[in-house]
Amino acid sequence: GKQTRMGQGDSKTCPLSYEDALARLRQDELKRIDAAFRRAVGQGSVIPKNAFVRDILGDTFPSQLAEIIYWAFGGGSKGIGYKDLLAGLTLIVRGGQEEKVKFLFSLVCTDEETVDEDEMKQIVRYGNAPFPLSLKKLLRSNDLMDYRQFRSWTLRNYRAFPLAHWLLDCPNVQTRDDGDDDATSSYHKTLSIVSRLTEAEVEKIDRRYCGMKIASKTGRLDHDVFSRVLKGSVPDELHDGLFSALDRNCDGHIDISEMC
């Protein structure tokens, strides 16, 4: 059967077309993406992979997962073009839940119908996270795991699946099928009022926050990830104090409102 293509060239699996993406974005959003693309490409016509990871996903985003997303969005050996980038970013910020789950399924299937167990283990166990017992039992009980089973398990257990957690649970990502397209904007506006930051500043913090969360085994910005982010720039002995100062409700992790 067909081999999985996760993390390899010629492996575009983004379900949105460029035309579909255009129809979902406002003019001001298109202008911002266009300006960011032009800055990133300089005199070229594509964004190189390292620039995509650094400038689009953020330097705190796990490199292994960033590579998977790069190829899946349509990146090639020379870089990723404007139309592919636009479609991929639109999936993240305007995609419905079903579209995102189908995108995740496309990363781990062998023949567009069933899951490849090795690929599933690779993407779910990112960062040496334990392989979920419920998924292990499901794979054992079924010779072939189809989309319906994958969807059911993913929606119930997405916090154990780093890439799904990022796509489906991040505050700056729209996951509703019939959507409240203004939900994210309202969320940022509320944080902006409370924190006295501009909405643009809140959005920037939110993007970085999501990148840091996905690097965590717990799916949250906990002390371990916080210390890794500060390593080399802030003395180790100050990490505990800084974490405690930001973790105002003392629940063991920093949420986005505490970051702002």
Protein backbone atom coordinates (compact mmCIF):
# COMPACT_ATOMS: atom_id res chain seq x y z
CA GLY A 1 0.00 0.00 0.00
CA LYS A 2 0.95 3.67 -0.09
CA GLN A 3 3.59 4.70 2.41
CA THR A 4 3.04 7.45 4.92
CA ARG A 5 4.77 10.68 4.00
CA MET A 6 5.03 12.41 7.36
CA GLY A 7 8.09 14.63 7.51
CA GLN A 8 9.09 13.99 3.90
CA GLY A 9 9.06 16.04 0.75
CA ASP A 10 6.00 15.97 -1.50
CA SER A 11 3.82 15.33 1.51
CA LYS A 12 1.31 18.19 1.45
CA THR A 13 -1.85 17.18 3.32
CA CYS A 14 -3.43 20.53 4.22
CA PRO A 15 -7.14 20.12 3.36
CA LEU A 16 -7.73 23.79 2.48
CA SER A 17 -7.11 25.21 -0.96
CA TYR A 18 -5.71 28.69 -1.49
CA GLU A 19 -9.12 29.87 -2.78
CA ASP A 20 -10.89 28.44 0.28
CA ALA A 21 -8.39 30.15 2.56
CA LEU A 22 -8.90 33.52 0.83
CA ALA A 23 -12.64 33.29 1.41
CA ARG A 24 -12.19 32.82 5.17
CA LEU A 25 -9.81 35.67 5.93
CA ARG A 26 -10.54 39.37 6.35
CA GLN A 27 -8.70 41.91 4.24
CA ASP A 28 -6.67 43.21 7.17
CA GLU A 29 -5.57 39.63 7.97
CA LEU A 30 -4.52 39.07 4.37
CA LYS A 31 -2.50 42.28 4.41
CA ARG A 32 -0.68 41.24 7.58
CA ILE A 33 0.15 37.78 6.20
CA ASP A 34 1.29 39.30 2.91
CA ALA A 35 3.57 41.78 4.69
CA ALA A 36 5.02 39.07 6.95
CA PHE A 37 5.67 36.84 3.95
CA ARG A 38 7.46 39.59 2.05
CA ARG A 39 9.67 40.34 5.06
CA ALA A 40 10.54 36.67 5.48
CA VAL A 41 11.38 35.93 1.83
CA GLY A 42 13.47 39.05 1.19
CA GLN A 43 14.49 38.90 -2.46
CA GLY A 44 13.32 35.30 -2.88
CA SER A 45 9.92 33.78 -3.60
CA VAL A 46 9.66 31.17 -0.82
CA ILE A 47 10.25 31.06 2.95
CA PRO A 48 13.09 28.65 3.84
CA LYS A 49 12.26 25.93 6.36
CA ASN A 50 14.37 27.43 9.15
CA ALA A 51 12.66 30.82 8.69
CA PHE A 52 9.22 29.14 8.70
CA VAL A 53 10.01 27.48 12.03
CA ARG A 54 11.54 30.62 13.56
CA ASP A 55 9.22 33.33 12.24
CA ILE A 56 5.90 31.53 11.74
CA LEU A 57 5.75 28.92 14.51
CA GLY A 58 8.22 30.54 16.91
CA ASP A 59 11.60 29.36 18.17
CA THR A 60 10.04 27.66 21.22
CA PHE A 61 7.98 25.33 19.02
CA PRO A 62 9.33 21.72 19.12
CA SER A 63 11.53 21.17 16.07
CA GLN A 64 10.26 17.66 15.28
CA LEU A 65 6.64 18.77 15.19
CA ALA A 66 7.55 21.95 13.30
CA GLU A 67 9.14 19.80 10.59
CA ILE A 68 5.97 17.70 10.28
CA ILE A 69 3.81 20.82 9.91
CA TYR A 70 6.22 22.37 7.40
CA TRP A 71 6.02 19.41 5.00
CA ALA A 72 2.28 18.92 5.55
CA PHE A 73 1.56 22.56 4.67
CA GLY A 74 3.38 22.10 1.35
CA GLY A 75 6.96 23.08 2.15
CA GLY A 76 9.69 21.76 -0.15
CA SER A 77 13.46 21.48 -0.22
CA LYS A 78 13.76 25.17 -1.20
CA GLY A 79 11.02 26.56 1.04
CA ILE A 80 7.28 27.16 1.28
CA GLY A 81 5.38 29.43 -1.09
CA TYR A 82 2.80 32.10 -0.31
CA LYS A 83 -0.31 30.13 -1.33
CA ASP A 84 0.66 27.04 0.67
CA LEU A 85 1.56 29.17 3.70
CA LEU A 86 -1.75 31.05 3.53
CA ALA A 87 -3.76 27.82 3.32
CA GLY A 88 -1.87 26.28 6.24
CA LEU A 89 -2.21 29.31 8.51
CA THR A 90 -5.90 29.56 7.68
CA LEU A 91 -6.39 25.94 8.74
CA ILE A 92 -4.86 26.81 12.12
CA VAL A 93 -6.84 29.99 12.81
CA ARG A 94 -10.08 29.43 10.87
CA GLY A 95 -10.29 25.68 10.37
CA GLY A 96 -13.23 23.75 11.80
CA GLN A 97 -12.77 20.87 14.21
CA GLU A 98 -13.52 18.24 11.56
CA GLU A 99 -11.01 19.75 9.13
CA LYS A 100 -8.30 19.73 11.77
CA VAL A 101 -8.96 16.13 12.79
CA LYS A 102 -8.86 15.07 9.11
CA PHE A 103 -5.56 16.94 8.76
CA LEU A 104 -4.14 15.06 11.77
CA PHE A 105 -5.40 11.77 10.34
CA SER A 106 -3.68 12.47 7.03
CA LEU A 107 -0.34 12.67 8.87
CA VAL A 108 -0.58 9.13 10.22
CA CYS A 109 -2.50 7.16 7.60
CA THR A 110 -1.04 4.76 5.05
CA ASP A 111 -3.71 4.69 2.37
CA GLU A 112 -6.07 7.56 3.21
CA GLU A 113 -8.26 5.05 5.08
CA THR A 114 -6.30 3.45 7.94
CA VAL A 115 -3.74 4.52 10.54
CA ASP A 116 -0.11 3.43 10.37
CA GLU A 117 0.69 2.29 13.92
CA ASP A 118 4.37 3.28 13.77
CA GLU A 119 3.56 6.79 12.55
CA MET A 120 0.89 7.15 15.21
CA LYS A 121 3.34 6.16 17.92
CA GLN A 122 5.95 8.58 16.59
CA ILE A 123 3.68 11.60 16.59
CA VAL A 124 1.80 10.82 19.83
CA ARG A 125 4.94 9.99 21.81
CA TYR A 126 6.74 13.23 20.93
CA GLY A 127 9.16 14.23 23.71
CA ASN A 128 9.20 10.70 25.19
CA ALA A 129 5.68 11.16 26.54
CA PRO A 130 4.08 7.87 27.64
CA PHE A 131 2.05 6.11 24.96
CA PRO A 132 -1.60 6.34 26.11
CA LEU A 133 -2.96 3.03 27.37
CA SER A 134 -6.35 3.69 25.76
CA LEU A 135 -4.69 4.08 22.35
CA LYS A 136 -2.57 0.99 22.87
CA LYS A 137 -5.71 -1.04 23.64
CA LEU A 138 -7.53 0.40 20.62
CA LEU A 139 -4.67 -0.46 18.26
CA ARG A 140 -4.44 -3.98 19.69
CA SER A 141 -8.15 -4.64 19.31
CA ASN A 142 -8.29 -3.50 15.70
CA ASP A 143 -6.16 -4.78 12.86
CA LEU A 144 -6.77 -1.47 11.07
CA MET A 145 -7.72 1.81 12.77
CA ASP A 146 -9.96 3.83 10.46
CA TYR A 147 -10.85 7.53 10.46
CA ARG A 148 -13.98 7.08 12.59
CA GLN A 149 -11.99 5.35 15.35
CA PHE A 150 -9.12 7.85 15.06
CA ARG A 151 -11.52 10.79 15.32
CA SER A 152 -13.33 9.35 18.31
CA TRP A 153 -10.11 8.64 20.21
CA THR A 154 -8.48 11.97 19.31
CA LEU A 155 -11.41 14.13 20.40
CA ARG A 156 -11.61 12.30 23.73
CA ASN A 157 -7.86 12.19 24.38
CA TYR A 158 -6.32 15.09 22.46
CA ARG A 159 -4.42 16.39 25.49
CA ALA A 160 -2.32 13.20 25.28
CA PHE A 161 -1.54 13.99 21.62
CA PRO A 162 0.73 17.10 21.47
CA LEU A 163 -0.02 18.16 17.92
CA ALA A 164 -3.78 17.69 18.38
CA HIS A 165 -3.61 19.57 21.67
CA TRP A 166 -1.99 22.52 19.93
CA LEU A 167 -4.47 22.54 17.02
CA LEU A 168 -7.65 21.95 19.01
CA ASP A 169 -7.07 23.58 22.38
CA CYS A 170 -4.92 26.67 21.84
CA PRO A 171 -6.84 29.90 22.63
CA ASN A 172 -5.78 31.59 19.37
CA VAL A 173 -7.06 28.70 17.26
CA GLN A 174 -10.64 28.57 15.99
CA THR A 175 -11.98 25.02 16.42
CA ARG A 176 -15.70 25.48 16.05
CA ASP A 177 -17.34 24.17 12.91
CA ASP A 178 -20.05 26.81 12.78
CA GLY A 179 -18.31 29.45 14.10
CA ASP A 180 -17.97 32.27 16.25
CA ASP A 181 -15.27 33.86 14.11
CA ASP A 182 -15.01 36.74 16.55
CA ALA A 183 -14.35 34.53 19.59
CA THR A 184 -10.58 34.78 19.34
CA SER A 185 -10.65 38.52 18.71
CA SER A 186 -12.91 39.04 21.73
CA TYR A 187 -10.62 36.89 23.86
CA HIS A 188 -7.60 38.99 22.91
CA LYS A 189 -9.55 42.21 23.38
CA THR A 190 -10.55 41.18 26.91
CA LEU A 191 -6.96 40.32 27.84
CA SER A 192 -5.84 43.60 26.29
CA ILE A 193 -8.18 45.60 28.53
CA VAL A 194 -7.20 43.70 31.67
CA SER A 195 -3.45 43.77 31.00
CA ARG A 196 -3.26 47.25 29.42
CA LEU A 197 -1.35 45.77 26.49
CA THR A 198 -2.36 46.34 22.88
CA GLU A 199 -4.27 43.56 21.11
CA ALA A 200 -1.25 43.06 18.82
CA GLU A 201 0.96 42.54 21.88
CA VAL A 202 -1.51 40.06 23.36
CA GLU A 203 -1.63 38.13 20.05
CA LYS A 204 2.17 37.94 19.98
CA ILE A 205 2.29 36.65 23.56
CA ASP A 206 -0.46 34.15 22.74
CA ARG A 207 1.48 32.72 19.78
CA ARG A 208 4.61 32.27 21.91
CA TYR A 209 2.54 30.83 24.74
CA CYS A 210 1.07 28.15 22.47
CA GLY A 211 4.53 27.26 21.19
CA MET A 212 5.77 26.77 24.73
CA LYS A 213 2.73 24.72 25.76
CA ILE A 214 3.20 22.19 23.00
CA ALA A 215 6.75 21.53 24.22
CA SER A 216 5.32 20.35 27.55
CA LYS A 217 4.51 16.73 28.36
CA THR A 218 1.55 17.99 30.40
CA GLY A 219 0.20 20.23 27.62
CA ARG A 220 0.62 23.23 29.91
CA LEU A 221 3.31 25.82 30.53
CA ASP A 222 4.74 24.11 33.59
CA HIS A 223 7.97 24.69 35.52
CA ASP A 224 9.98 22.27 33.38
CA VAL A 225 9.22 24.03 30.09
CA PHE A 226 9.52 27.46 31.69
CA SER A 227 13.05 26.62 32.88
CA ARG A 228 14.04 25.29 29.44
CA VAL A 229 12.88 28.53 27.80
CA LEU A 230 14.94 30.61 30.26
CA LYS A 231 18.02 28.37 30.13
CA GLY A 232 21.10 30.29 29.06
CA SER A 233 19.49 33.72 29.32
CA VAL A 234 18.45 33.79 32.98
CA PRO A 235 20.53 32.26 35.83
CA ASP A 236 19.13 28.89 36.95
CA GLU A 237 18.77 30.02 40.54
CA LEU A 238 16.21 32.67 39.49
CA HIS A 239 13.88 30.28 37.64
CA ASP A 240 11.88 29.19 40.71
CA GLY A 241 11.23 32.75 41.84
CA LEU A 242 10.18 33.95 38.39
CA PHE A 243 7.87 30.98 37.92
CA SER A 244 6.23 31.55 41.32
CA ALA A 245 5.79 35.25 40.56
CA LEU A 246 3.94 34.49 37.30
CA ASP A 247 1.95 31.54 38.65
CA ARG A 248 -0.33 33.85 40.62
CA ASN A 249 -2.96 31.23 41.48
CA CYS A 250 -0.27 28.67 42.50
CA ASP A 251 -1.76 25.85 40.39
CA GLY A 252 1.63 24.68 39.06
CA HIS A 253 1.38 26.14 35.57
CA ILE A 254 1.22 29.56 33.92
CA ASP A 255 -1.86 30.34 31.85
CA ILE A 256 -2.16 32.99 29.16
CA SER A 257 -3.80 35.58 31.44
CA GLU A 258 -0.86 35.28 33.84
CA MET A 259 1.53 35.84 30.93
CA CYS A 260 -0.08 39.14 29.95
